[in-house]
Amino acid sequence: MTPAPSLPNPLTRPVGHLQGRFRQWWQSRLPLTDTLALTQRNVYILPTRPGFMLGATLLVLLVASINYQLNLGYLLTFLLSGSAVVGMHVCHGTLRGLTLHLIAPNNLFALDTAFFDVKLINARRSPRYAIGLSVLGTGHWSWTDVAAQAEALVRIAFRPENRGRHRVPALTAETRFPLGTFRVWTVWRPAAEVLVYPAPEPLAPPLPPGEPRSGGASAASAQATGEFDGVRAYRRGDPMKLVVWKKLAKADELVSRDTQHAQRYELWLDFVQTGLPETEARLRRLCAWVLAADRLGVDYGLRLPGLEIHPSCGAAHRLACLEALALC
């Protein structure tokens, strides 16, 4: 007999929902900034589990000392209590007065991990120890110490879920130095954004044939052979990518493409002509074609629904095409 599937407790669902709503409301009230100065207004402190256990132990010691009139018990109780109070002050001061500055991450492809650096600036004359930073809610911490009147750099990683423009997720910094009885933390919402390009198709087919500039027979022949209009004798200093290697292999003649003449065809990377049914698969193939055309150093254009980027080449053109694919 198949056991009945376990159902979630209906009494716990509203509690989790309310907690999530409250967390979103609270985070939305935090300012968006790439530089955050920690003060008593944005640094929070609460006892940890060892801190609560220490408090319960001190209470037991105090009751026992009062009951049995133990002077040494009083001494031990108040000594430990004083140490806990001093530890609370030191723990809160470890974060208070620190300045956090975000170094924005570079754009990346989907399924890659984004790395960005956070600079911790300590202006006071004493060092700060055991400061951890993490993406809020992940639990993956990066720990560092900051020397007196110095800076420290902490690298944090996160993986965006999909392509597009993403804001850097909320960060948290915390410390439990020196005793571990108190947790001091802050929550930070950076204003920086990262652009995520589609992941290029791993085994993309070759680049599509060029489209002729005119309907003549010569243009059609150029589309079939992939040759360029205008060749001239090789000149010393010509880039290697301009050398017509096919002509060298056939006629043993070293010639270069004449860039002053128009090409017989234009290479267009068309969203409709990718031959794939799904939108994301088409974008991945176009991304692979853009990278391949850029490596070859040829002029290429990009056609997307509602957008057309005219043929060109170079790093700026590649970034423009990748951005269009990311935001399509």
Protein backbone atom coordinates (compact mmCIF):
# COMPACT_ATOMS: atom_id res chain seq x y z
CA MET A 1 0.00 0.00 0.00
CA THR A 2 1.46 3.35 -1.02
CA PRO A 3 1.76 5.77 1.91
CA ALA A 4 -0.11 9.00 1.61
CA PRO A 5 2.09 11.93 0.62
CA SER A 6 3.01 14.26 3.45
CA LEU A 7 1.37 17.66 3.20
CA PRO A 8 2.90 20.90 4.46
CA ASN A 9 1.60 22.14 7.75
CA PRO A 10 -0.94 24.88 6.95
CA LEU A 11 -0.07 26.62 10.21
CA THR A 12 3.58 27.14 9.25
CA ARG A 13 2.95 28.42 5.71
CA PRO A 14 1.55 31.84 6.72
CA VAL A 15 4.45 32.33 9.15
CA GLY A 16 7.09 31.71 6.46
CA HIS A 17 5.14 33.87 4.01
CA LEU A 18 4.97 36.74 6.49
CA GLN A 19 8.67 36.41 7.27
CA GLY A 20 9.52 36.60 3.57
CA ARG A 21 7.25 39.61 3.08
CA PHE A 22 8.76 41.36 6.08
CA ARG A 23 12.31 40.62 4.85
CA GLN A 24 11.54 42.05 1.42
CA TRP A 25 9.89 45.13 2.93
CA TRP A 26 12.82 45.73 5.26
CA GLN A 27 15.44 45.30 2.53
CA SER A 28 13.54 47.65 0.22
CA ARG A 29 13.96 50.42 2.78
CA LEU A 30 17.75 50.11 2.69
CA PRO A 31 19.49 52.66 0.44
CA LEU A 32 21.22 51.59 -2.76
CA THR A 33 24.86 52.61 -2.53
CA ASP A 34 28.24 51.24 -3.54
CA THR A 35 29.94 52.79 -0.49
CA LEU A 36 28.56 52.15 2.99
CA ALA A 37 29.83 53.70 6.22
CA LEU A 38 28.90 51.57 9.23
CA THR A 39 27.52 53.49 12.21
CA GLN A 40 25.35 52.67 15.18
CA ARG A 41 22.33 53.24 12.92
CA ASN A 42 23.01 50.35 10.54
CA VAL A 43 24.94 47.90 12.73
CA TYR A 44 22.90 45.37 14.73
CA ILE A 45 23.84 43.12 17.63
CA LEU A 46 22.24 40.07 19.28
CA PRO A 47 23.54 37.29 21.54
CA THR A 48 24.51 34.01 19.92
CA ARG A 49 23.60 30.57 21.28
CA PRO A 50 26.82 30.43 23.32
CA GLY A 51 25.94 33.91 24.57
CA PHE A 52 22.53 32.74 25.80
CA MET A 53 24.17 29.74 27.45
CA LEU A 54 26.68 32.03 29.13
CA GLY A 55 23.83 34.21 30.41
CA ALA A 56 22.03 31.15 31.81
CA THR A 57 25.24 29.97 33.48
CA LEU A 58 25.81 33.37 35.06
CA LEU A 59 22.26 33.33 36.37
CA VAL A 60 22.79 29.92 37.96
CA LEU A 61 26.09 31.06 39.48
CA LEU A 62 24.44 34.18 40.90
CA VAL A 63 21.57 32.22 42.46
CA ALA A 64 23.97 29.67 43.94
CA SER A 65 26.22 32.41 45.32
CA ILE A 66 23.27 34.16 46.95
CA ASN A 67 21.89 30.90 48.35
CA TYR A 68 25.19 29.69 49.85
CA GLN A 69 26.72 33.12 50.51
CA LEU A 70 29.84 32.33 48.47
CA ASN A 71 32.10 35.34 48.12
CA LEU A 72 34.23 33.57 45.51
CA GLY A 73 31.03 32.76 43.65
CA TYR A 74 30.15 36.44 43.53
CA LEU A 75 33.66 37.22 42.30
CA LEU A 76 33.49 34.63 39.53
CA THR A 77 29.98 35.68 38.49
CA PHE A 78 30.75 39.38 38.23
CA LEU A 79 34.12 38.73 36.61
CA LEU A 80 32.50 36.68 33.86
CA SER A 81 29.68 39.22 33.52
CA GLY A 82 32.16 42.06 33.15
CA SER A 83 34.09 40.09 30.52
CA ALA A 84 30.87 39.49 28.56
CA VAL A 85 29.96 43.20 28.68
CA VAL A 86 33.44 44.22 27.51
CA GLY A 87 33.27 41.58 24.76
CA MET A 88 29.93 43.01 23.62
CA HIS A 89 31.45 46.49 23.36
CA VAL A 90 34.52 45.24 21.48
CA CYS A 91 32.38 43.13 19.14
CA HIS A 92 30.14 46.05 18.20
CA GLY A 93 33.14 48.32 17.74
CA THR A 94 34.74 45.88 15.31
CA LEU A 95 32.18 46.79 12.65
CA ARG A 96 31.21 50.27 13.78
CA GLY A 97 33.26 52.89 11.96
CA LEU A 98 34.24 50.58 9.10
CA THR A 99 33.67 51.68 5.49
CA LEU A 100 32.70 49.21 2.77
CA HIS A 101 33.28 50.01 -0.90
CA LEU A 102 32.14 47.79 -3.76
CA ILE A 103 34.27 47.32 -6.87
CA ALA A 104 31.67 46.52 -9.51
CA PRO A 105 32.00 43.15 -11.30
CA ASN A 106 32.59 42.75 -15.01
CA ASN A 107 29.94 41.52 -17.38
CA LEU A 108 29.86 37.76 -17.86
CA PHE A 109 28.15 34.91 -19.66
CA ALA A 110 25.30 32.89 -18.19
CA LEU A 111 26.30 29.86 -16.10
CA ASP A 112 29.55 31.61 -15.17
CA THR A 113 30.30 32.79 -11.66
CA ALA A 114 30.57 36.53 -11.10
CA PHE A 115 33.38 37.68 -8.84
CA PHE A 116 33.50 41.11 -7.30
CA ASP A 117 35.69 42.72 -4.69
CA VAL A 118 34.72 44.64 -1.58
CA LYS A 119 37.25 47.02 -0.09
CA LEU A 120 37.18 47.38 3.71
CA ILE A 121 38.63 50.69 4.91
CA ASN A 122 39.70 51.01 8.54
CA ALA A 123 40.38 54.62 9.59
CA ARG A 124 41.01 54.01 13.29
CA ARG A 125 44.38 53.33 14.93
CA SER A 126 43.61 49.78 16.05
CA PRO A 127 43.13 46.66 13.90
CA ARG A 128 39.84 44.88 13.32
CA TYR A 129 39.69 41.10 13.39
CA ALA A 130 37.51 38.28 12.02
CA ILE A 131 35.19 40.22 9.71
CA GLY A 132 33.16 38.08 7.32
CA LEU A 133 31.29 39.07 4.17
CA SER A 134 28.78 37.03 2.20
CA VAL A 135 25.89 37.29 -0.20
CA LEU A 136 22.83 37.55 2.00
CA GLY A 137 21.25 34.16 2.61
CA THR A 138 23.95 31.98 1.01
CA GLY A 139 26.09 31.24 4.07
CA HIS A 140 29.34 31.23 2.04
CA TRP A 141 31.63 33.53 4.00
CA SER A 142 34.91 35.24 3.16
CA TRP A 143 36.86 36.28 6.26
CA THR A 144 39.56 38.89 6.69
CA ASP A 145 41.34 41.12 9.19
CA VAL A 146 41.88 44.83 8.61
CA ALA A 147 45.06 46.39 9.95
CA ALA A 148 45.11 49.76 11.68
CA GLN A 149 44.56 52.66 9.28
CA ALA A 150 44.69 50.28 6.34
CA GLU A 151 42.51 48.56 3.76
CA ALA A 152 41.63 44.95 3.01
CA LEU A 153 40.12 43.38 -0.09
CA VAL A 154 37.56 40.58 0.08
CA ARG A 155 36.41 38.66 -3.00
CA ILE A 156 32.80 37.47 -3.12
CA ALA A 157 31.16 35.28 -5.75
CA PHE A 158 27.58 34.79 -6.89
CA ARG A 159 25.96 33.12 -9.90
CA PRO A 160 23.13 34.96 -11.70
CA GLU A 161 20.18 32.76 -12.55
CA ASN A 162 19.72 33.83 -16.17
CA ARG A 163 20.74 36.37 -18.79
CA GLY A 164 19.88 40.04 -18.55
CA ARG A 165 20.77 42.94 -16.32
CA HIS A 166 21.06 41.98 -12.66
CA ARG A 167 21.65 44.11 -9.62
CA VAL A 168 24.41 42.91 -7.33
CA PRO A 169 22.61 40.97 -4.56
CA ALA A 170 22.33 42.23 -1.03
CA LEU A 171 25.43 41.60 1.07
CA THR A 172 25.95 41.07 4.76
CA ALA A 173 28.98 41.62 6.97
CA GLU A 174 29.32 40.19 10.44
CA THR A 175 31.76 39.50 13.25
CA ARG A 176 31.70 37.55 16.52
CA PHE A 177 35.07 38.68 17.75
CA PRO A 178 36.36 38.36 20.47
CA LEU A 179 34.32 35.86 22.55
CA GLY A 180 31.70 34.60 20.12
CA THR A 181 28.93 35.42 22.57
CA PHE A 182 27.49 38.22 20.41
CA ARG A 183 26.85 38.49 16.69
CA VAL A 184 27.20 41.93 15.13
CA TRP A 185 26.05 42.30 11.53
CA THR A 186 24.86 44.70 8.87
CA VAL A 187 22.95 44.36 5.58
CA TRP A 188 24.08 46.26 2.50
CA ARG A 189 22.32 46.79 -0.85
CA PRO A 190 24.87 47.78 -3.54
CA ALA A 191 23.71 49.91 -6.45
CA ALA A 192 26.02 48.29 -9.03
CA GLU A 193 24.62 46.09 -11.78
CA VAL A 194 26.08 43.28 -13.86
CA LEU A 195 25.09 42.37 -17.41
CA VAL A 196 24.79 38.64 -18.11
CA TYR A 197 25.17 37.53 -21.74
CA PRO A 198 23.63 34.30 -23.04
CA ALA A 199 25.88 31.28 -22.69
CA PRO A 200 27.41 30.53 -26.13
CA GLU A 201 26.36 27.26 -27.72
CA PRO A 202 29.16 24.72 -27.08
CA LEU A 203 29.18 23.08 -30.55
CA ALA A 204 27.69 25.78 -32.72
CA PRO A 205 27.58 25.20 -36.50
CA PRO A 206 29.81 27.29 -38.82
CA LEU A 207 28.94 30.88 -39.56
CA PRO A 208 26.08 31.33 -42.02
CA PRO A 209 26.85 32.38 -45.61
CA GLY A 210 26.95 36.06 -46.34
CA GLU A 211 24.10 37.95 -47.92
CA PRO A 212 24.92 39.56 -51.29
CA ARG A 213 24.84 43.32 -51.50
CA SER A 214 23.22 43.10 -54.94
CA GLY A 215 21.41 40.43 -56.90
CA GLY A 216 24.10 39.98 -59.59
CA ALA A 217 25.84 36.76 -60.46
CA SER A 218 29.15 37.97 -59.07
CA ALA A 219 27.56 38.61 -55.71
CA ALA A 220 26.00 35.17 -55.69
CA SER A 221 29.38 33.66 -56.52
CA ALA A 222 30.92 35.62 -53.66
CA GLN A 223 28.29 34.26 -51.31
CA ALA A 224 29.16 30.72 -52.35
CA THR A 225 32.95 31.06 -52.24
CA GLY A 226 33.27 33.51 -49.36
CA GLU A 227 35.75 35.70 -51.34
CA PHE A 228 36.04 39.43 -50.95
CA ASP A 229 35.99 42.13 -53.62
CA GLY A 230 39.18 44.01 -54.24
CA VAL A 231 42.60 42.43 -53.87
CA ARG A 232 46.00 44.00 -54.27
CA ALA A 233 49.60 43.00 -54.00
CA TYR A 234 50.81 42.31 -50.48
CA ARG A 235 52.39 45.29 -48.78
CA ARG A 236 54.84 45.03 -45.95
CA GLY A 237 53.01 45.63 -42.68
CA ASP A 238 49.60 44.37 -43.83
CA PRO A 239 47.76 42.51 -41.03
CA MET A 240 47.82 38.77 -41.43
CA LYS A 241 44.03 38.60 -41.39
CA LEU A 242 43.95 40.58 -44.68
CA VAL A 243 46.09 38.02 -46.55
CA VAL A 244 44.07 35.93 -49.04
CA TRP A 245 45.46 32.52 -48.15
CA LYS A 246 43.28 30.66 -50.66
CA LYS A 247 44.80 32.60 -53.53
CA LEU A 248 48.27 31.95 -52.17
CA ALA A 249 47.57 28.21 -52.08
CA LYS A 250 46.08 28.11 -55.58
CA ALA A 251 48.21 30.58 -57.56
CA ASP A 252 51.28 30.94 -55.31
CA GLU A 253 50.64 34.67 -55.24
CA LEU A 254 50.72 36.71 -52.04
CA VAL A 255 47.90 39.26 -52.12
CA SER A 256 45.89 41.16 -49.54
CA ARG A 257 42.28 42.22 -49.41
CA ASP A 258 41.73 45.82 -50.40
CA THR A 259 39.71 47.25 -47.53
CA GLN A 260 38.95 50.38 -49.56
CA HIS A 261 36.52 48.38 -51.67
CA ALA A 262 33.23 47.04 -50.44
CA GLN A 263 32.86 43.36 -49.83
CA ARG A 264 30.75 41.38 -52.23
CA TYR A 265 28.62 40.11 -49.41
CA GLU A 266 27.65 40.99 -45.85
CA LEU A 267 27.63 38.57 -42.95
CA TRP A 268 24.35 38.85 -41.06
CA LEU A 269 23.61 36.86 -37.90
CA ASP A 270 19.85 36.59 -38.04
CA PHE A 271 17.62 35.55 -35.14
CA VAL A 272 15.08 34.01 -37.53
CA GLN A 273 17.61 31.98 -39.52
CA THR A 274 19.28 30.17 -36.64
CA GLY A 275 17.22 27.04 -37.33
CA LEU A 276 16.18 26.51 -33.71
CA PRO A 277 12.67 26.64 -32.22
CA GLU A 278 13.37 28.05 -28.74
CA THR A 279 14.30 31.66 -28.08
CA GLU A 280 17.06 30.92 -25.57
CA ALA A 281 18.64 28.34 -27.87
CA ARG A 282 18.63 30.88 -30.72
CA LEU A 283 20.31 33.49 -28.53
CA ARG A 284 22.98 31.01 -27.44
CA ARG A 285 23.76 30.18 -31.06
CA LEU A 286 23.89 33.85 -32.02
CA CYS A 287 26.23 34.47 -29.11
CA ALA A 288 28.56 31.73 -30.33
CA TRP A 289 28.45 33.18 -33.87
CA VAL A 290 29.26 36.68 -32.62
CA LEU A 291 32.32 35.38 -30.78
CA ALA A 292 33.42 33.32 -33.80
CA ALA A 293 33.05 36.25 -36.22
CA ASP A 294 34.94 38.51 -33.84
CA ARG A 295 37.81 36.02 -33.63
CA LEU A 296 38.00 35.89 -37.44
CA GLY A 297 38.06 39.68 -37.64
CA VAL A 298 35.30 39.93 -40.27
CA ASP A 299 32.50 42.46 -40.42
CA TYR A 300 29.17 41.11 -39.22
CA GLY A 301 25.73 42.44 -38.42
CA LEU A 302 23.05 41.25 -36.01
CA ARG A 303 19.31 41.03 -36.57
CA LEU A 304 17.01 40.59 -33.58
CA PRO A 305 13.26 41.15 -33.20
CA GLY A 306 12.86 44.91 -33.23
CA LEU A 307 16.60 45.62 -33.47
CA GLU A 308 19.21 45.60 -36.22
CA ILE A 309 22.91 46.30 -35.70
CA HIS A 310 24.71 47.10 -38.95
CA PRO A 311 27.84 45.18 -39.93
CA SER A 312 31.07 46.26 -38.29
CA CYS A 313 33.90 44.73 -36.28
CA GLY A 314 36.01 45.42 -33.23
CA ALA A 315 35.61 45.19 -29.47
CA ALA A 316 32.96 47.92 -29.23
CA HIS A 317 30.82 46.23 -31.87
CA ARG A 318 31.18 42.83 -30.13
CA LEU A 319 30.08 44.30 -26.81
CA ALA A 320 27.12 46.05 -28.46
CA CYS A 321 25.97 42.75 -30.02
CA LEU A 322 26.40 40.83 -26.77
CA GLU A 323 24.46 43.48 -24.85
CA ALA A 324 21.64 43.30 -27.39
CA LEU A 325 21.53 39.51 -26.97
CA ALA A 326 21.48 39.82 -23.20
CA LEU A 327 18.59 42.28 -23.19
CA CYS A 328 16.58 40.71 -26.03
